[in-house]
N, C-alpha and C. Protein backbone atom coordinates (compact mmCIF):
# COMPACT_ATOMS: atom_id res chain seq x y z
N UNK A 1 114.97 90.90 108.48
CA UNK A 1 114.47 91.37 107.21
C UNK A 1 113.01 90.96 107.02
N UNK A 2 112.64 89.79 107.50
CA UNK A 2 111.27 89.33 107.37
C UNK A 2 110.30 90.35 107.98
N UNK A 3 110.67 90.92 109.10
CA UNK A 3 109.80 91.92 109.73
C UNK A 3 109.60 93.13 108.81
N UNK A 4 110.63 93.53 108.08
CA UNK A 4 110.50 94.67 107.17
C UNK A 4 109.42 94.42 106.14
N UNK A 5 109.39 93.21 105.58
CA UNK A 5 108.39 92.90 104.57
C UNK A 5 107.00 92.79 105.19
N UNK A 6 106.93 92.27 106.41
CA UNK A 6 105.64 92.22 107.10
C UNK A 6 105.14 93.64 107.35
N UNK A 7 106.05 94.52 107.74
CA UNK A 7 105.69 95.93 107.94
C UNK A 7 105.22 96.53 106.63
N UNK A 8 105.91 96.23 105.56
CA UNK A 8 105.53 96.77 104.26
C UNK A 8 104.12 96.32 103.87
N UNK A 9 103.81 95.08 104.15
CA UNK A 9 102.46 94.59 103.84
C UNK A 9 101.41 95.32 104.69
N UNK A 10 101.71 95.57 105.97
CA UNK A 10 100.78 96.30 106.83
C UNK A 10 100.59 97.73 106.34
N UNK A 11 101.68 98.37 105.93
CA UNK A 11 101.60 99.74 105.41
C UNK A 11 100.75 99.75 104.14
N UNK A 12 100.97 98.77 103.28
CA UNK A 12 100.18 98.70 102.04
C UNK A 12 98.71 98.51 102.35
N UNK A 13 98.41 97.64 103.31
CA UNK A 13 97.01 97.42 103.69
C UNK A 13 96.40 98.69 104.25
N UNK A 14 97.15 99.43 105.06
CA UNK A 14 96.66 100.70 105.62
C UNK A 14 96.42 101.71 104.52
N UNK A 15 97.30 101.76 103.52
CA UNK A 15 97.10 102.72 102.44
C UNK A 15 95.89 102.35 101.60
N UNK A 16 95.58 101.06 101.52
CA UNK A 16 94.36 100.63 100.81
C UNK A 16 93.11 101.13 101.53
N UNK A 17 93.22 101.33 102.85
CA UNK A 17 92.09 101.82 103.63
C UNK A 17 92.05 103.34 103.69
N UNK A 18 92.92 104.00 102.94
CA UNK A 18 92.90 105.45 102.90
C UNK A 18 93.77 106.14 103.93
N UNK A 19 94.57 105.39 104.67
CA UNK A 19 95.47 106.01 105.63
C UNK A 19 96.63 106.63 104.86
N UNK A 20 97.25 107.66 105.42
CA UNK A 20 98.42 108.21 104.73
C UNK A 20 99.53 107.17 104.69
N UNK A 21 100.28 107.13 103.61
CA UNK A 21 101.37 106.17 103.54
C UNK A 21 102.42 106.46 104.62
N UNK A 22 103.00 105.43 105.17
CA UNK A 22 104.01 105.57 106.21
C UNK A 22 105.39 105.41 105.59
N UNK A 23 106.38 105.74 106.37
CA UNK A 23 107.76 105.57 105.94
C UNK A 23 108.27 104.28 106.51
N UNK A 24 108.96 103.51 105.69
CA UNK A 24 109.61 102.31 106.19
C UNK A 24 111.04 102.31 105.71
N UNK A 25 111.89 101.67 106.47
CA UNK A 25 113.30 101.63 106.15
C UNK A 25 113.69 100.21 105.74
N UNK A 26 114.36 100.10 104.61
CA UNK A 26 114.87 98.81 104.15
C UNK A 26 116.30 99.04 103.70
N UNK A 27 117.21 98.22 104.13
CA UNK A 27 118.60 98.32 103.70
C UNK A 27 118.73 97.60 102.37
N UNK A 28 118.87 98.37 101.29
CA UNK A 28 118.91 97.79 99.95
C UNK A 28 120.09 96.88 99.74
N UNK A 29 121.16 97.07 100.53
CA UNK A 29 122.33 96.21 100.35
C UNK A 29 122.00 94.77 100.69
N UNK A 30 121.02 94.54 101.57
CA UNK A 30 120.61 93.18 101.89
C UNK A 30 119.26 92.84 101.26
N UNK A 31 118.45 93.84 100.98
CA UNK A 31 117.11 93.58 100.46
C UNK A 31 117.11 93.15 99.01
N UNK A 32 118.17 93.43 98.28
CA UNK A 32 118.19 93.10 96.86
C UNK A 32 118.11 91.60 96.60
N UNK A 33 118.43 90.79 97.58
CA UNK A 33 118.34 89.34 97.38
C UNK A 33 116.92 88.84 97.59
N UNK A 34 116.04 89.67 98.11
CA UNK A 34 114.65 89.31 98.35
C UNK A 34 113.79 89.83 97.21
N UNK A 35 112.54 89.41 97.11
CA UNK A 35 111.66 89.97 96.10
C UNK A 35 111.57 91.48 96.28
N UNK A 36 111.51 92.21 95.18
CA UNK A 36 111.46 93.66 95.28
C UNK A 36 110.13 94.08 95.90
N UNK A 37 110.12 95.26 96.51
CA UNK A 37 108.85 95.75 97.09
C UNK A 37 107.73 95.79 96.05
N UNK A 38 108.05 96.11 94.80
CA UNK A 38 107.01 96.15 93.77
C UNK A 38 106.40 94.77 93.55
N UNK A 39 107.24 93.72 93.62
CA UNK A 39 106.72 92.37 93.44
C UNK A 39 105.76 92.02 94.56
N UNK A 40 106.04 92.51 95.75
CA UNK A 40 105.18 92.20 96.90
C UNK A 40 103.96 93.10 96.98
N UNK A 41 104.12 94.36 96.62
CA UNK A 41 103.09 95.36 96.91
C UNK A 41 102.48 96.02 95.68
N UNK A 42 103.00 95.72 94.51
CA UNK A 42 102.47 96.36 93.31
C UNK A 42 102.79 97.84 93.30
N UNK A 43 101.90 98.62 92.73
CA UNK A 43 102.12 100.06 92.61
C UNK A 43 101.48 100.85 93.76
N UNK A 44 101.11 100.17 94.85
CA UNK A 44 100.45 100.87 95.95
C UNK A 44 101.39 101.77 96.72
N UNK A 45 102.68 101.47 96.73
CA UNK A 45 103.66 102.28 97.44
C UNK A 45 104.79 102.65 96.49
N UNK A 46 105.35 103.82 96.71
CA UNK A 46 106.55 104.19 95.98
C UNK A 46 107.72 104.07 96.94
N UNK A 47 108.77 103.42 96.49
CA UNK A 47 109.93 103.18 97.33
C UNK A 47 111.01 104.19 96.97
N UNK A 48 111.62 104.78 98.01
CA UNK A 48 112.73 105.71 97.83
C UNK A 48 113.99 105.09 98.42
N UNK A 49 115.13 105.44 97.87
CA UNK A 49 116.40 104.99 98.40
C UNK A 49 116.88 106.03 99.40
N UNK A 50 117.28 105.59 100.57
CA UNK A 50 117.80 106.48 101.59
C UNK A 50 119.23 106.14 101.97
N UNK A 51 119.80 105.17 101.32
CA UNK A 51 121.19 104.76 101.55
C UNK A 51 121.99 105.30 100.37
N UNK A 52 122.73 106.37 100.61
CA UNK A 52 123.38 107.07 99.50
C UNK A 52 124.31 106.19 98.67
N UNK A 53 125.02 105.28 99.31
CA UNK A 53 125.95 104.47 98.53
C UNK A 53 125.29 103.25 97.89
N UNK A 54 123.96 103.28 97.80
CA UNK A 54 123.21 102.23 97.09
C UNK A 54 122.18 102.85 96.15
N UNK A 55 122.38 104.09 95.75
CA UNK A 55 121.39 104.79 94.92
C UNK A 55 121.20 104.11 93.56
N UNK A 56 122.26 103.80 92.88
CA UNK A 56 122.12 103.20 91.54
C UNK A 56 121.46 101.83 91.65
N UNK A 57 121.89 101.04 92.61
CA UNK A 57 121.30 99.71 92.80
C UNK A 57 119.83 99.81 93.22
N UNK A 58 119.52 100.78 94.07
CA UNK A 58 118.14 100.96 94.51
C UNK A 58 117.21 101.33 93.36
N UNK A 59 117.67 102.23 92.50
CA UNK A 59 116.87 102.62 91.33
C UNK A 59 116.69 101.41 90.41
N UNK A 60 117.76 100.65 90.21
CA UNK A 60 117.67 99.43 89.40
C UNK A 60 116.65 98.45 89.97
N UNK A 61 116.54 98.41 91.29
CA UNK A 61 115.62 97.48 91.96
C UNK A 61 114.18 98.00 91.97
N UNK A 62 113.96 99.22 91.46
CA UNK A 62 112.60 99.72 91.36
C UNK A 62 112.27 100.94 92.19
N UNK A 63 113.22 101.46 92.94
CA UNK A 63 112.96 102.69 93.70
C UNK A 63 112.69 103.83 92.72
N UNK A 64 111.84 104.75 93.13
CA UNK A 64 111.48 105.87 92.25
C UNK A 64 112.11 107.19 92.68
N UNK A 65 112.74 107.21 93.83
CA UNK A 65 113.33 108.45 94.31
C UNK A 65 114.48 108.20 95.27
N UNK A 66 115.10 109.30 95.70
CA UNK A 66 116.29 109.22 96.52
C UNK A 66 116.23 110.28 97.60
N UNK A 67 116.43 109.89 98.83
CA UNK A 67 116.58 110.82 99.94
C UNK A 67 118.08 111.05 100.04
N UNK A 68 118.56 112.09 99.38
CA UNK A 68 119.99 112.29 99.18
C UNK A 68 120.61 113.15 100.27
N UNK A 69 121.70 112.66 100.84
CA UNK A 69 122.38 113.39 101.90
C UNK A 69 123.29 114.49 101.42
N UNK A 70 123.79 114.38 100.21
CA UNK A 70 124.74 115.36 99.72
C UNK A 70 124.17 116.27 98.63
N UNK A 71 122.86 116.29 98.50
CA UNK A 71 122.24 117.11 97.45
C UNK A 71 122.48 118.60 97.64
N UNK A 72 122.59 119.07 98.88
CA UNK A 72 122.87 120.49 99.09
C UNK A 72 124.29 120.85 98.70
N UNK A 73 125.23 119.95 98.93
CA UNK A 73 126.62 120.21 98.59
C UNK A 73 126.90 120.00 97.10
N UNK A 74 126.26 119.00 96.53
CA UNK A 74 126.48 118.65 95.12
C UNK A 74 125.14 118.48 94.40
N UNK A 75 124.39 119.55 94.23
CA UNK A 75 123.06 119.41 93.62
C UNK A 75 123.09 118.94 92.18
N UNK A 76 124.00 119.46 91.39
CA UNK A 76 124.07 119.08 89.97
C UNK A 76 124.43 117.61 89.84
N UNK A 77 125.43 117.18 90.59
CA UNK A 77 125.86 115.79 90.52
C UNK A 77 124.80 114.83 91.05
N UNK A 78 124.11 115.24 92.12
CA UNK A 78 123.06 114.39 92.69
C UNK A 78 121.91 114.20 91.71
N UNK A 79 121.46 115.29 91.11
CA UNK A 79 120.37 115.21 90.14
C UNK A 79 120.80 114.41 88.93
N UNK A 80 122.02 114.63 88.45
CA UNK A 80 122.51 113.90 87.28
C UNK A 80 122.60 112.40 87.56
N UNK A 81 123.10 112.03 88.73
CA UNK A 81 123.21 110.60 89.07
C UNK A 81 121.83 109.96 89.14
N UNK A 82 120.90 110.62 89.79
CA UNK A 82 119.53 110.09 89.88
C UNK A 82 118.91 109.96 88.48
N UNK A 83 119.06 111.00 87.68
CA UNK A 83 118.48 110.98 86.33
C UNK A 83 119.08 109.86 85.47
N UNK A 84 120.41 109.74 85.49
CA UNK A 84 121.07 108.70 84.70
C UNK A 84 120.62 107.30 85.13
N UNK A 85 120.52 107.10 86.44
CA UNK A 85 120.07 105.79 86.94
C UNK A 85 118.63 105.53 86.53
N UNK A 86 117.76 106.53 86.66
CA UNK A 86 116.34 106.36 86.28
C UNK A 86 116.18 106.09 84.79
N UNK A 87 117.02 106.72 83.98
CA UNK A 87 116.92 106.56 82.53
C UNK A 87 117.61 105.29 82.03
N UNK A 88 118.24 104.55 82.95
CA UNK A 88 118.91 103.30 82.56
C UNK A 88 120.21 103.52 81.81
N UNK A 89 120.80 104.69 81.93
CA UNK A 89 122.07 105.00 81.26
C UNK A 89 123.21 104.56 82.17
N UNK A 90 123.35 103.25 82.23
CA UNK A 90 124.19 102.60 83.24
C UNK A 90 125.66 103.02 83.18
N UNK A 91 126.25 103.03 82.01
CA UNK A 91 127.68 103.39 81.92
C UNK A 91 127.94 104.81 82.38
N UNK A 92 127.10 105.74 81.96
CA UNK A 92 127.25 107.13 82.40
C UNK A 92 127.01 107.26 83.90
N UNK A 93 125.99 106.56 84.38
CA UNK A 93 125.70 106.60 85.82
C UNK A 93 126.87 106.03 86.62
N UNK A 94 127.42 104.92 86.16
CA UNK A 94 128.53 104.29 86.89
C UNK A 94 129.78 105.17 86.90
N UNK A 95 130.02 105.89 85.82
CA UNK A 95 131.17 106.79 85.77
C UNK A 95 131.04 107.88 86.84
N UNK A 96 129.87 108.49 86.92
CA UNK A 96 129.62 109.52 87.93
C UNK A 96 129.61 108.91 89.33
N UNK A 97 129.01 107.73 89.45
CA UNK A 97 128.91 107.02 90.73
C UNK A 97 130.30 106.73 91.31
N UNK A 98 131.22 106.29 90.45
CA UNK A 98 132.58 105.98 90.92
C UNK A 98 133.24 107.21 91.54
N UNK A 99 133.03 108.36 90.92
CA UNK A 99 133.59 109.59 91.48
C UNK A 99 132.90 109.94 92.80
N UNK A 100 131.58 109.80 92.84
CA UNK A 100 130.76 110.27 93.95
C UNK A 100 130.81 109.33 95.17
N UNK A 101 131.09 108.06 94.95
CA UNK A 101 130.95 107.05 95.99
C UNK A 101 131.71 107.34 97.29
N UNK A 102 132.98 107.79 97.25
CA UNK A 102 133.63 108.09 98.53
C UNK A 102 132.90 109.16 99.34
N UNK A 103 132.30 110.12 98.67
CA UNK A 103 131.51 111.14 99.37
C UNK A 103 130.19 110.57 99.85
N UNK A 104 129.54 109.79 99.01
CA UNK A 104 128.24 109.20 99.38
C UNK A 104 128.38 108.30 100.60
N UNK A 105 129.49 107.62 100.72
CA UNK A 105 129.71 106.73 101.87
C UNK A 105 129.80 107.50 103.18
N UNK A 106 130.11 108.79 103.09
CA UNK A 106 130.15 109.60 104.31
C UNK A 106 128.78 109.71 104.96
N UNK A 107 127.74 109.47 104.18
CA UNK A 107 126.36 109.58 104.69
C UNK A 107 125.85 108.25 105.25
N UNK A 108 126.72 107.27 105.40
CA UNK A 108 126.27 105.96 105.86
C UNK A 108 126.97 105.52 107.14
N UNK A 109 127.60 106.44 107.83
CA UNK A 109 128.35 106.12 109.05
C UNK A 109 127.76 106.89 110.23
N UNK A 110 128.09 106.51 111.45
CA UNK A 110 127.49 107.18 112.62
C UNK A 110 127.69 108.70 112.65
N UNK A 111 128.79 109.22 112.16
CA UNK A 111 129.02 110.67 112.20
C UNK A 111 128.64 111.34 110.87
N UNK A 112 127.61 110.80 110.23
CA UNK A 112 127.22 111.33 108.92
C UNK A 112 126.84 112.81 108.96
N UNK A 113 126.23 113.27 110.03
CA UNK A 113 125.85 114.69 110.10
C UNK A 113 127.09 115.57 110.07
N UNK A 114 128.09 115.23 110.87
CA UNK A 114 129.31 116.00 110.89
C UNK A 114 130.00 115.98 109.53
N UNK A 115 130.02 114.83 108.90
CA UNK A 115 130.68 114.70 107.60
C UNK A 115 129.95 115.47 106.51
N UNK A 116 128.63 115.38 106.48
CA UNK A 116 127.87 116.12 105.46
C UNK A 116 128.06 117.62 105.66
N UNK A 117 128.00 118.06 106.90
CA UNK A 117 128.19 119.48 107.16
C UNK A 117 129.60 119.94 106.78
N UNK A 118 130.59 119.08 106.97
CA UNK A 118 131.95 119.41 106.56
C UNK A 118 132.04 119.54 105.04
N UNK A 119 131.43 118.61 104.32
CA UNK A 119 131.41 118.69 102.86
C UNK A 119 130.72 119.99 102.42
N UNK A 120 129.60 120.30 103.04
CA UNK A 120 128.89 121.53 102.67
C UNK A 120 129.75 122.76 102.91
N UNK A 121 130.47 122.78 104.01
CA UNK A 121 131.35 123.92 104.29
C UNK A 121 132.45 124.03 103.23
N UNK A 122 133.02 122.88 102.85
CA UNK A 122 134.12 122.89 101.87
C UNK A 122 133.67 123.39 100.50
N UNK A 123 132.40 123.23 100.16
CA UNK A 123 131.92 123.72 98.86
C UNK A 123 131.24 125.08 98.99
N UNK A 124 131.30 125.67 100.19
CA UNK A 124 130.76 127.02 100.38
C UNK A 124 129.26 127.08 100.56
N UNK A 125 128.66 126.02 101.08
CA UNK A 125 127.21 125.97 101.26
C UNK A 125 126.83 125.65 102.70
N UNK A 126 127.45 126.29 103.64
CA UNK A 126 127.08 126.05 105.03
C UNK A 126 128.29 126.02 105.94
N UNK A 127 128.07 125.54 107.13
CA UNK A 127 129.09 125.49 108.16
C UNK A 127 129.22 124.06 108.67
N UNK A 128 130.42 123.71 109.10
CA UNK A 128 130.66 122.38 109.66
C UNK A 128 130.28 122.32 111.14
N UNK A 129 129.87 123.45 111.70
CA UNK A 129 129.53 123.50 113.12
C UNK A 129 128.34 122.60 113.42
N UNK A 130 128.45 121.81 114.47
CA UNK A 130 127.34 120.94 114.90
C UNK A 130 126.93 121.31 116.31
N UNK A 131 125.68 121.04 116.63
CA UNK A 131 125.15 121.31 117.98
C UNK A 131 125.27 120.06 118.84
N UNK A 132 125.41 120.28 120.14
CA UNK A 132 125.43 119.13 121.05
C UNK A 132 124.12 118.36 120.93
N UNK A 133 124.18 117.09 121.10
CA UNK A 133 125.26 116.29 121.67
C UNK A 133 126.32 115.85 120.66
N UNK A 134 126.17 116.25 119.40
CA UNK A 134 127.18 115.86 118.41
C UNK A 134 128.49 116.58 118.70
N UNK A 135 129.59 115.91 118.42
CA UNK A 135 130.91 116.48 118.61
C UNK A 135 131.55 116.72 117.25
N UNK A 136 132.30 117.79 117.15
CA UNK A 136 132.99 118.11 115.89
C UNK A 136 134.01 117.02 115.58
N UNK A 137 134.27 116.85 114.31
CA UNK A 137 135.32 115.93 113.89
C UNK A 137 136.67 116.52 114.28
N UNK A 138 137.63 115.67 114.60
CA UNK A 138 138.97 116.15 114.90
C UNK A 138 139.98 115.05 114.62
N UNK A 139 141.24 115.41 114.73
CA UNK A 139 142.32 114.44 114.58
C UNK A 139 142.33 113.72 113.25
N UNK A 140 142.62 112.44 113.32
CA UNK A 140 142.74 111.62 112.11
C UNK A 140 141.41 111.54 111.34
N UNK A 141 140.33 111.50 112.08
CA UNK A 141 139.01 111.44 111.45
C UNK A 141 138.78 112.66 110.55
N UNK A 142 139.13 113.83 111.06
CA UNK A 142 138.98 115.07 110.30
C UNK A 142 139.94 115.09 109.12
N UNK A 143 141.18 114.72 109.35
CA UNK A 143 142.15 114.77 108.25
C UNK A 143 141.81 113.78 107.14
N UNK A 144 141.31 112.61 107.49
CA UNK A 144 140.90 111.64 106.46
C UNK A 144 139.69 112.15 105.68
N UNK A 145 138.74 112.75 106.38
CA UNK A 145 137.56 113.30 105.70
C UNK A 145 137.95 114.42 104.76
N UNK A 146 138.82 115.32 105.22
CA UNK A 146 139.26 116.43 104.37
C UNK A 146 140.02 115.93 103.15
N UNK A 147 140.83 114.89 103.32
CA UNK A 147 141.56 114.32 102.18
C UNK A 147 140.60 113.74 101.15
N UNK A 148 139.56 113.05 101.62
CA UNK A 148 138.56 112.49 100.71
C UNK A 148 137.83 113.60 99.97
N UNK A 149 137.44 114.63 100.69
CA UNK A 149 136.71 115.75 100.08
C UNK A 149 137.61 116.47 99.07
N UNK A 150 138.85 116.78 99.47
CA UNK A 150 139.77 117.48 98.57
C UNK A 150 140.04 116.68 97.31
N UNK A 151 140.21 115.37 97.46
CA UNK A 151 140.43 114.52 96.28
C UNK A 151 139.22 114.56 95.35
N UNK A 152 138.03 114.47 95.94
CA UNK A 152 136.81 114.51 95.11
C UNK A 152 136.67 115.85 94.41
N UNK A 153 136.94 116.93 95.11
CA UNK A 153 136.81 118.25 94.49
C UNK A 153 137.82 118.43 93.35
N UNK A 154 139.02 117.91 93.53
CA UNK A 154 140.05 118.00 92.49
C UNK A 154 139.66 117.21 91.24
N UNK A 155 138.93 116.13 91.43
CA UNK A 155 138.54 115.25 90.32
C UNK A 155 137.09 115.45 89.91
N UNK A 156 136.45 116.48 90.41
CA UNK A 156 135.02 116.70 90.17
C UNK A 156 134.73 116.74 88.67
N UNK A 157 133.76 115.96 88.25
CA UNK A 157 133.44 115.93 86.81
C UNK A 157 132.81 117.25 86.36
N UNK A 158 133.04 117.56 85.13
CA UNK A 158 132.46 118.77 84.54
C UNK A 158 131.09 118.42 83.97
N UNK A 159 130.07 118.78 84.70
CA UNK A 159 128.70 118.54 84.25
C UNK A 159 128.09 119.87 83.85
N UNK A 160 127.10 119.84 82.99
CA UNK A 160 126.39 121.06 82.62
C UNK A 160 125.72 121.60 83.86
N UNK A 161 126.03 122.82 84.23
CA UNK A 161 125.46 123.42 85.45
C UNK A 161 124.37 124.38 85.09
């Protein structure tokens, strides 16, 4: 983790010299115990959350945006969750987050591409087909993913669309 913060300081120094800002990866699940990027770098960099199952915590820690894996499948819910977290409407955000979390966790595992594409297919926004070297989901992995998706769709909250 120390290297991540050293990298962040180098990126900040480069941006002070007019270089384009770079992308850095920080796992918010472990980074939250350290000083926030804003405490270290001020307003020179904007931090985005890229770990879907840490979106609410990332926004609370000072992130300004979200690289969302399921936004194509659930655009209304993704925007609503981000908005609620940014506005500090914690109870409403947590209610939506609890529903969304099993799906969001699909974007944090090695076969995240296959899982996201499966979710998109189930909601009518694409195909689950993947190109090599990725392999299609099958067997128990597929049946567990479909059960999670079907459960989420059955309990999908009614948001203003």
